[in-house]
Amino acid sequence: MSIALLYERSENDEAGIKQTAQQLGIDLNFIPFRKIALTISKDGFSAKTKGKDYTKTFNQTVVVLNRAQSKNRRLQASYIMESLGKKTLNTSQVEFTCYSKLRTLLNLWKAGLPVPKTIFVPCDASDFTKNHKEIHNEKDLADLFQTDLSINDGIVIKADAGTHGKMIMLSKSREELLDNIKETKPNIINPIGVVAQELINKWFYDLRIIVYKEKGKQAICYNKALARAGFKDFRTNTFLGNLVFEANLPQNVIDLAVKCGNTLGDGNAAWIFALDAMINVSNKQVDDAFIKAQLDLAAQAYLPVQKVKADETRLTDFSAWNKKLEQTFNTYASSNSYQKVKSIIDENIESNKGGLVFHEANSCPEFWENTRLVTGLNVAIPLLKTAQSLID
């Protein structure tokens, strides 16, 4: 009986999981899911690439650690594996919920958890009649959104299944709102309709919080979060060039995060999530100019980290590359600017903790380069232990 690591490409997270499994003495099978041909017939089941037969690996696997990066492939992978009698982390039920921002928010809202005011209209920005005449719905959609959301405060239009900040657009005027609605064409990250949300005054940072549950144990929220910070855009996603800092979580935030995890993982013996949260900030300790100056200094201290991250030796000697990454990150985290920004974030969270809202849950979070270094939590450990707990 074994655990299989299912993945599309072996990136840093997968290399980190492999390294951590070796350190923990956990044997892993490996399933490169993206290029495996899965065959079902009256003769049974087979799984093959052009050069290797993985059928035996599938048969020997009891639990699948599903790390496919594509949301669609990950959902398909969980469902296929469960159909073959395997246990998955996370399950297809969890993947289905987390695939959609709206489904995630509906579940949290039903449980009484704090979420941003959100409007969904299951109508596309434009439709076509049977005789191919185009019908424009942008004005009607804008009217519906402005009924409950203030354009002066800002209205966010977002793709329901987007990642890395893709297709998240801020509207500060009627004209911007109409233009942004026009951009929401049906596609793989926005399957149907339009989602609009109030703009949360999160100041210059947001939070990524890790929660997980092993079978037979209580859910755990790690007490430190990854804070993504910057003024480059209203989106603080690191893919847009924002910096990363450690953030201490107050107990009430930890309790809320555990409730989020239990809500999204309801009915499942084990699960793991990275929750994205924002704080509606009403009380600022310092002015923006001071923060921007410290972020500029921190960005200079972060340059060596970026250089190591781009170093291709991670593909040939992951262990040596990782040690170098940790050393350069520790130097960055020891800088005065980092410590000042971290202190401001901690104080701001504590004084505004009542304004926290959850806006997304990630079922397959990236962690090796940021979350692990910032918070000290190697997410590979709870990933492996939650998967291991599913082996009867």
Protein backbone atom coordinates (compact mmCIF):
# COMPACT_ATOMS: atom_id res chain seq x y z
CA MET A 1 0.00 0.00 0.00
CA SER A 2 1.42 3.37 -0.94
CA ILE A 3 0.91 7.07 -1.55
CA ALA A 4 1.27 8.37 -5.09
CA LEU A 5 2.28 11.93 -5.89
CA LEU A 6 0.27 12.91 -8.95
CA TYR A 7 1.58 15.95 -10.80
CA GLU A 8 1.73 17.61 -14.22
CA ARG A 9 5.33 18.81 -14.18
CA SER A 10 7.95 18.36 -11.49
CA GLU A 11 8.36 21.93 -10.19
CA ASN A 12 9.88 23.15 -6.92
CA ASP A 13 6.84 22.13 -4.87
CA GLU A 14 6.99 18.57 -6.19
CA ALA A 15 10.76 18.40 -5.65
CA GLY A 16 10.19 19.66 -2.11
CA ILE A 17 7.54 17.02 -1.46
CA LYS A 18 9.88 14.30 -2.72
CA GLN A 19 12.73 15.59 -0.53
CA THR A 20 10.48 15.87 2.53
CA ALA A 21 9.08 12.35 1.98
CA GLN A 22 12.63 10.97 1.98
CA GLN A 23 13.39 12.83 5.21
CA LEU A 24 10.21 11.45 6.83
CA GLY A 25 10.85 7.92 5.55
CA ILE A 26 7.68 7.91 3.45
CA ASP A 27 7.77 5.94 0.19
CA LEU A 28 6.12 7.66 -2.75
CA ASN A 29 5.05 6.49 -6.16
CA PHE A 30 5.02 9.10 -8.91
CA ILE A 31 2.30 9.66 -11.50
CA PRO A 32 3.08 12.26 -14.23
CA PHE A 33 -0.62 12.67 -14.95
CA ARG A 34 -0.48 15.11 -17.84
CA LYS A 35 0.86 12.65 -20.44
CA ILE A 36 -0.63 9.36 -19.28
CA ALA A 37 -3.14 7.64 -21.55
CA LEU A 38 -5.92 6.15 -19.42
CA THR A 39 -7.79 3.29 -21.07
CA ILE A 40 -11.02 1.66 -19.90
CA SER A 41 -12.53 -1.34 -21.70
CA LYS A 42 -14.08 -4.76 -21.13
CA ASP A 43 -10.53 -5.97 -20.46
CA GLY A 44 -10.12 -3.61 -17.51
CA PHE A 45 -7.97 -0.51 -17.02
CA SER A 46 -4.51 0.60 -18.10
CA ALA A 47 -2.38 3.74 -17.70
CA LYS A 48 0.56 4.30 -20.03
CA THR A 49 2.86 6.99 -21.39
CA LYS A 50 4.73 6.52 -24.66
CA GLY A 51 7.66 5.02 -22.76
CA LYS A 52 6.29 3.49 -19.56
CA ASP A 53 3.39 1.45 -18.23
CA TYR A 54 1.97 2.94 -15.01
CA THR A 55 -0.85 0.45 -14.58
CA LYS A 56 0.96 -1.38 -11.76
CA THR A 57 1.65 1.94 -10.02
CA PHE A 58 -2.05 2.78 -10.16
CA ASN A 59 -3.01 -0.63 -8.81
CA GLN A 60 -0.54 -0.41 -5.89
CA THR A 61 -1.63 3.09 -4.90
CA VAL A 62 -4.02 3.54 -1.98
CA VAL A 63 -3.91 7.33 -1.55
CA VAL A 64 -3.29 9.95 -4.22
CA LEU A 65 -1.69 13.28 -3.31
CA ASN A 66 -3.22 15.31 -6.14
CA ARG A 67 -0.84 18.12 -7.18
CA ALA A 68 -2.03 18.74 -10.75
CA GLN A 69 -1.73 22.51 -11.19
CA SER A 70 -4.52 22.92 -13.72
CA LYS A 71 -7.83 23.16 -11.85
CA ASN A 72 -9.56 21.18 -14.58
CA ARG A 73 -6.96 18.39 -14.62
CA ARG A 74 -6.93 18.30 -10.82
CA LEU A 75 -10.71 17.89 -10.65
CA GLN A 76 -10.58 15.21 -13.34
CA ALA A 77 -7.68 13.43 -11.62
CA SER A 78 -9.47 13.21 -8.26
CA TYR A 79 -12.64 11.89 -9.87
CA ILE A 80 -10.77 9.29 -11.95
CA MET A 81 -8.76 8.07 -8.97
CA GLU A 82 -11.84 7.82 -6.77
CA SER A 83 -13.61 5.88 -9.53
CA LEU A 84 -10.67 3.44 -9.40
CA GLY A 85 -11.19 3.01 -5.64
CA LYS A 86 -8.40 5.32 -4.48
CA LYS A 87 -8.55 7.92 -1.73
CA THR A 88 -7.54 11.41 -2.79
CA LEU A 89 -6.21 14.51 -1.11
CA ASN A 90 -8.10 16.62 -1.77
CA THR A 91 -11.28 14.80 -2.81
CA SER A 92 -13.18 15.58 -6.00
CA GLN A 93 -15.93 17.08 -3.82
CA VAL A 94 -13.42 19.54 -2.34
CA GLU A 95 -11.90 20.23 -5.76
CA PHE A 96 -15.36 20.98 -7.18
CA THR A 97 -16.01 23.53 -4.45
CA CYS A 98 -12.59 25.21 -4.61
CA TYR A 99 -12.63 25.29 -8.42
CA SER A 100 -15.15 28.13 -8.19
CA LYS A 101 -14.79 31.30 -6.13
CA LEU A 102 -18.57 31.58 -6.01
CA ARG A 103 -19.09 28.01 -4.75
CA THR A 104 -16.42 28.58 -2.11
CA LEU A 105 -18.07 31.81 -0.93
CA LEU A 106 -21.54 30.26 -0.87
CA ASN A 107 -20.32 27.50 1.44
CA LEU A 108 -18.57 29.94 3.76
CA TRP A 109 -21.53 32.33 3.75
CA LYS A 110 -23.97 29.53 4.65
CA ALA A 111 -21.74 28.71 7.64
CA GLY A 112 -21.90 32.32 8.83
CA LEU A 113 -18.28 33.07 7.99
CA PRO A 114 -17.20 36.58 6.88
CA VAL A 115 -16.98 37.02 3.09
CA PRO A 116 -17.04 40.11 0.84
CA LYS A 117 -20.40 41.24 -0.47
CA THR A 118 -20.66 39.35 -3.76
CA ILE A 119 -23.11 39.42 -6.67
CA PHE A 120 -23.36 36.71 -9.33
CA VAL A 121 -25.46 37.07 -12.46
CA PRO A 122 -25.59 33.88 -14.59
CA CYS A 123 -25.74 35.93 -17.78
CA ASP A 124 -22.79 36.56 -20.08
CA ALA A 125 -21.77 40.06 -21.13
CA SER A 126 -23.08 39.33 -24.62
CA ASP A 127 -25.33 36.67 -26.14
CA PHE A 128 -26.24 35.65 -29.66
CA THR A 129 -29.72 34.94 -30.98
CA LYS A 130 -30.51 31.99 -33.24
CA ASN A 131 -30.00 34.21 -36.27
CA HIS A 132 -26.56 35.22 -34.93
CA LYS A 133 -27.51 38.71 -33.83
CA GLU A 134 -25.40 39.88 -30.89
CA ILE A 135 -27.19 41.07 -27.77
CA HIS A 136 -25.26 43.29 -25.36
CA ASN A 137 -26.04 42.80 -21.66
CA GLU A 138 -23.31 45.03 -20.18
CA LYS A 139 -25.60 47.89 -19.12
CA ASP A 140 -28.14 45.56 -17.50
CA LEU A 141 -25.36 43.78 -15.62
CA ALA A 142 -23.87 47.09 -14.48
CA ASP A 143 -27.28 48.24 -13.24
CA LEU A 144 -27.70 45.04 -11.24
CA PHE A 145 -24.25 45.36 -9.68
CA GLN A 146 -24.73 49.03 -8.79
CA THR A 147 -27.97 48.25 -7.00
CA ASP A 148 -26.00 46.71 -4.09
CA LEU A 149 -22.40 47.80 -4.69
CA SER A 150 -21.00 51.33 -4.65
CA ILE A 151 -19.01 52.40 -7.70
CA ASN A 152 -17.46 55.17 -5.60
CA ASP A 153 -16.03 52.61 -3.18
CA GLY A 154 -14.99 50.37 -6.07
CA ILE A 155 -16.49 47.30 -7.71
CA VAL A 156 -14.28 44.30 -8.48
CA ILE A 157 -15.13 42.11 -11.46
CA LYS A 158 -13.46 38.71 -11.27
CA ALA A 159 -13.21 35.41 -13.12
CA ASP A 160 -14.93 32.66 -11.16
CA ALA A 161 -12.11 30.12 -11.65
CA GLY A 162 -9.14 32.44 -12.21
CA THR A 163 -5.74 32.15 -10.51
CA HIS A 164 -2.73 34.42 -9.94
CA GLY A 165 -4.91 37.54 -10.20
CA LYS A 166 -5.96 36.84 -13.80
CA MET A 167 -9.09 38.66 -14.96
CA ILE A 168 -9.59 40.52 -11.69
CA MET A 169 -10.49 44.08 -12.60
CA LEU A 170 -11.28 47.15 -10.49
CA SER A 171 -13.99 49.60 -11.52
CA LYS A 172 -14.05 53.12 -10.06
CA SER A 173 -16.49 54.60 -12.57
CA ARG A 174 -19.52 53.55 -14.62
CA GLU A 175 -17.38 53.57 -17.78
CA GLU A 176 -14.75 51.30 -16.21
CA LEU A 177 -17.45 48.97 -14.97
CA LEU A 178 -18.94 48.60 -18.45
CA ASP A 179 -15.51 48.03 -20.01
CA ASN A 180 -14.59 45.41 -17.40
CA ILE A 181 -17.88 43.56 -17.84
CA LYS A 182 -17.21 43.42 -21.60
CA GLU A 183 -13.92 41.62 -20.86
CA THR A 184 -15.67 38.72 -19.10
CA LYS A 185 -16.19 36.39 -22.02
CA PRO A 186 -17.02 32.73 -21.28
CA ASN A 187 -13.79 30.73 -21.12
CA ILE A 188 -12.03 28.11 -19.02
CA ILE A 189 -11.48 30.48 -16.06
CA ASN A 190 -14.87 32.16 -16.34
CA PRO A 191 -17.27 29.41 -17.44
CA ILE A 192 -20.52 31.33 -17.12
CA GLY A 193 -21.91 34.66 -15.99
CA VAL A 194 -20.25 37.53 -14.18
CA VAL A 195 -19.09 37.82 -10.56
CA ALA A 196 -18.84 41.24 -8.91
CA GLN A 197 -17.59 42.04 -5.44
CA GLU A 198 -17.17 44.96 -3.10
CA LEU A 199 -13.64 46.36 -2.89
CA ILE A 200 -12.15 45.50 0.50
CA ASN A 201 -9.96 48.27 1.90
CA LYS A 202 -7.11 45.86 2.66
CA TRP A 203 -4.50 48.66 2.77
CA PHE A 204 -1.29 47.19 1.27
CA TYR A 205 -1.41 43.47 2.13
CA ASP A 206 -3.51 40.32 2.14
CA LEU A 207 -3.07 36.95 3.87
CA ARG A 208 -2.63 33.31 2.91
CA ILE A 209 -3.52 31.00 5.81
CA ILE A 210 -2.84 27.25 5.94
CA VAL A 211 -5.41 24.92 7.53
CA TYR A 212 -5.38 21.13 7.44
CA LYS A 213 -6.88 18.04 9.03
CA GLU A 214 -5.55 14.50 9.43
CA LYS A 215 -8.03 11.64 9.66
CA GLY A 216 -9.22 11.14 13.24
CA LYS A 217 -7.75 14.44 14.48
CA GLN A 218 -8.92 18.01 14.99
CA ALA A 219 -8.32 20.57 12.27
CA ILE A 220 -5.27 22.81 12.66
CA CYS A 221 -4.64 26.36 11.51
CA TYR A 222 -0.97 27.29 11.41
CA ASN A 223 -0.48 30.38 13.57
CA LYS A 224 1.58 32.33 11.02
CA ALA A 225 0.37 33.49 7.62
CA LEU A 226 2.04 34.57 4.42
CA ALA A 227 1.40 38.28 3.95
CA ARG A 228 1.68 39.48 0.35
CA ALA A 229 2.37 43.19 0.36
CA GLY A 230 2.80 46.08 -2.04
CA PHE A 231 1.21 49.09 -3.70
CA LYS A 232 1.84 47.97 -7.30
CA ASP A 233 -1.84 47.17 -7.84
CA PHE A 234 -5.04 46.71 -5.84
CA ARG A 235 -4.22 43.01 -6.24
CA THR A 236 -1.41 42.00 -3.88
CA ASN A 237 -0.64 38.72 -5.64
CA THR A 238 3.08 37.85 -5.67
CA PHE A 239 2.89 37.11 -9.39
CA LEU A 240 2.43 40.86 -9.86
CA GLY A 241 5.76 41.57 -8.16
CA ASN A 242 4.64 42.14 -4.58
CA LEU A 243 6.82 41.18 -1.60
CA VAL A 244 6.28 38.54 1.10
CA PHE A 245 6.32 38.91 4.89
CA GLU A 246 5.48 36.82 7.94
CA ALA A 247 2.26 37.69 9.77
CA ASN A 248 1.21 36.48 13.22
CA LEU A 249 -2.44 35.45 13.46
CA PRO A 250 -4.65 36.41 16.44
CA GLN A 251 -6.60 33.58 18.04
CA ASN A 252 -9.96 34.74 16.66
CA VAL A 253 -8.55 34.60 13.11
CA ILE A 254 -7.16 31.12 13.77
CA ASP A 255 -10.58 30.01 15.04
CA LEU A 256 -12.33 31.43 11.97
CA ALA A 257 -9.83 29.75 9.63
CA VAL A 258 -10.43 26.37 11.30
CA LYS A 259 -14.17 26.87 10.84
CA CYS A 260 -13.55 27.68 7.16
CA GLY A 261 -11.56 24.48 6.73
CA ASN A 262 -14.18 22.36 8.47
CA THR A 263 -16.88 23.95 6.31
CA LEU A 264 -15.12 23.35 3.00
CA GLY A 265 -13.88 19.91 4.02
CA ASP A 266 -17.19 18.82 5.55
CA GLY A 267 -17.73 15.08 5.18
CA ASN A 268 -14.08 14.38 4.33
CA ALA A 269 -11.71 12.59 6.71
CA ALA A 270 -8.66 14.64 5.74
CA TRP A 271 -8.01 17.81 3.79
CA ILE A 272 -5.70 20.79 3.37
CA PHE A 273 -6.42 24.36 2.20
CA ALA A 274 -4.64 27.64 1.72
CA LEU A 275 -7.24 30.27 2.58
CA ASP A 276 -6.93 33.74 1.06
CA ALA A 277 -8.16 36.49 3.35
CA MET A 278 -8.28 40.29 3.46
CA ILE A 279 -8.83 42.72 6.30
CA ASN A 280 -11.08 45.74 5.92
CA VAL A 281 -8.69 48.23 7.49
CA SER A 282 -10.18 51.17 9.35
CA ASN A 283 -7.20 51.92 11.57
CA LYS A 284 -3.73 52.61 10.10
CA GLN A 285 -0.70 52.97 12.35
CA VAL A 286 1.49 54.85 9.84
CA ASP A 287 0.94 56.72 6.59
CA ASP A 288 1.32 55.20 3.11
CA ALA A 289 4.47 57.18 2.35
CA PHE A 290 6.36 55.50 5.20
CA ILE A 291 5.18 52.03 4.11
CA LYS A 292 6.15 52.69 0.49
CA ALA A 293 9.63 53.80 1.54
CA GLN A 294 10.12 50.65 3.62
CA LEU A 295 8.80 48.46 0.79
CA ASP A 296 11.29 50.06 -1.61
CA LEU A 297 14.12 49.21 0.78
CA ALA A 298 12.77 45.70 1.28
CA ALA A 299 12.60 45.22 -2.49
CA GLN A 300 16.35 45.90 -2.70
CA ALA A 301 17.00 43.39 0.07
CA TYR A 302 14.86 40.86 -1.82
CA LEU A 303 16.87 41.06 -5.08
CA PRO A 304 19.33 38.27 -4.10
CA VAL A 305 16.35 36.00 -3.35
CA GLN A 306 14.91 36.66 -6.81
CA LYS A 307 18.29 35.90 -8.36
CA VAL A 308 18.47 32.51 -6.63
CA LYS A 309 14.86 31.71 -7.57
CA ALA A 310 15.76 32.20 -11.21
CA ASP A 311 18.85 29.98 -10.94
CA GLU A 312 18.37 26.93 -13.19
CA THR A 313 20.58 24.76 -10.96
CA ARG A 314 17.40 23.94 -9.05
CA LEU A 315 16.72 21.49 -11.90
CA THR A 316 20.05 19.65 -11.52
CA ASP A 317 20.87 19.99 -7.79
CA PHE A 318 17.70 20.86 -5.92
CA SER A 319 19.19 20.32 -2.46
CA ALA A 320 22.12 22.72 -2.99
CA TRP A 321 19.87 25.27 -4.67
CA ASN A 322 17.39 25.09 -1.78
CA LYS A 323 20.10 25.74 0.83
CA LYS A 324 21.18 28.80 -1.12
CA LEU A 325 17.57 29.99 -1.34
CA GLU A 326 17.10 29.61 2.41
CA GLN A 327 20.32 31.53 3.16
CA THR A 328 19.43 34.46 0.93
CA PHE A 329 15.87 34.57 2.25
CA ASN A 330 17.06 34.60 5.86
CA THR A 331 19.25 37.60 5.01
CA TYR A 332 16.22 39.36 3.49
CA ALA A 333 14.06 38.53 6.54
CA SER A 334 16.75 39.94 8.84
CA SER A 335 16.79 43.33 7.10
CA ASN A 336 15.51 46.36 9.00
CA SER A 337 12.92 47.15 6.31
CA TYR A 338 11.49 43.61 6.46
CA GLN A 339 11.21 43.73 10.24
CA LYS A 340 9.55 47.17 10.17
CA VAL A 341 6.95 46.13 7.60
CA LYS A 342 6.31 42.84 9.42
CA SER A 343 5.77 44.71 12.69
CA ILE A 344 3.29 47.09 11.04
CA ILE A 345 1.36 44.18 9.48
CA ASP A 346 1.18 42.34 12.82
CA GLU A 347 -0.06 45.41 14.65
CA ASN A 348 -2.54 46.22 11.90
CA ILE A 349 -4.00 42.70 11.89
CA GLU A 350 -4.46 42.78 15.66
CA SER A 351 -6.16 46.20 15.67
CA ASN A 352 -8.42 45.42 12.67
CA LYS A 353 -9.03 41.68 13.17
CA GLY A 354 -12.79 42.19 13.30
CA GLY A 355 -12.71 43.27 9.65
CA LEU A 356 -11.31 40.02 8.27
CA VAL A 357 -13.05 38.36 5.31
CA PHE A 358 -12.22 35.16 3.42
CA HIS A 359 -12.43 35.38 -0.36
CA GLU A 360 -10.88 32.19 -1.79
CA ALA A 361 -9.68 28.70 -0.89
CA ASN A 362 -6.85 26.95 -2.72
CA SER A 363 -6.90 23.15 -2.72
CA CYS A 364 -3.40 22.85 -4.23
CA PRO A 365 -1.35 25.79 -2.93
CA GLU A 366 2.17 26.61 -4.06
CA PHE A 367 4.35 26.74 -0.98
CA TRP A 368 8.03 25.92 -1.38
CA GLU A 369 9.40 29.34 -2.40
CA ASN A 370 7.20 31.63 -0.31
CA THR A 371 4.93 30.09 2.35
CA ARG A 372 7.61 27.72 3.66
CA LEU A 373 10.33 30.36 3.86
CA VAL A 374 8.13 33.11 5.29
CA THR A 375 6.10 31.19 7.88
CA GLY A 376 8.49 28.36 8.70
CA LEU A 377 5.83 25.78 7.78
CA ASN A 378 6.94 23.24 5.20
CA VAL A 379 3.50 22.50 3.77
CA ALA A 380 4.87 19.22 2.38
CA ILE A 381 4.75 17.83 5.93
CA PRO A 382 0.99 18.26 6.52
CA LEU A 383 0.39 17.25 2.89
CA LEU A 384 2.19 13.95 3.42
CA LYS A 385 0.82 13.34 6.91
CA THR A 386 -2.78 14.01 5.92
CA ALA A 387 -2.36 11.65 2.96
CA GLN A 388 -0.69 9.06 5.20
CA SER A 389 -3.57 9.29 7.69
CA LEU A 390 -5.96 8.02 4.98
CA ILE A 391 -4.17 4.67 4.76
CA ASP A 392 -6.24 2.25 6.85
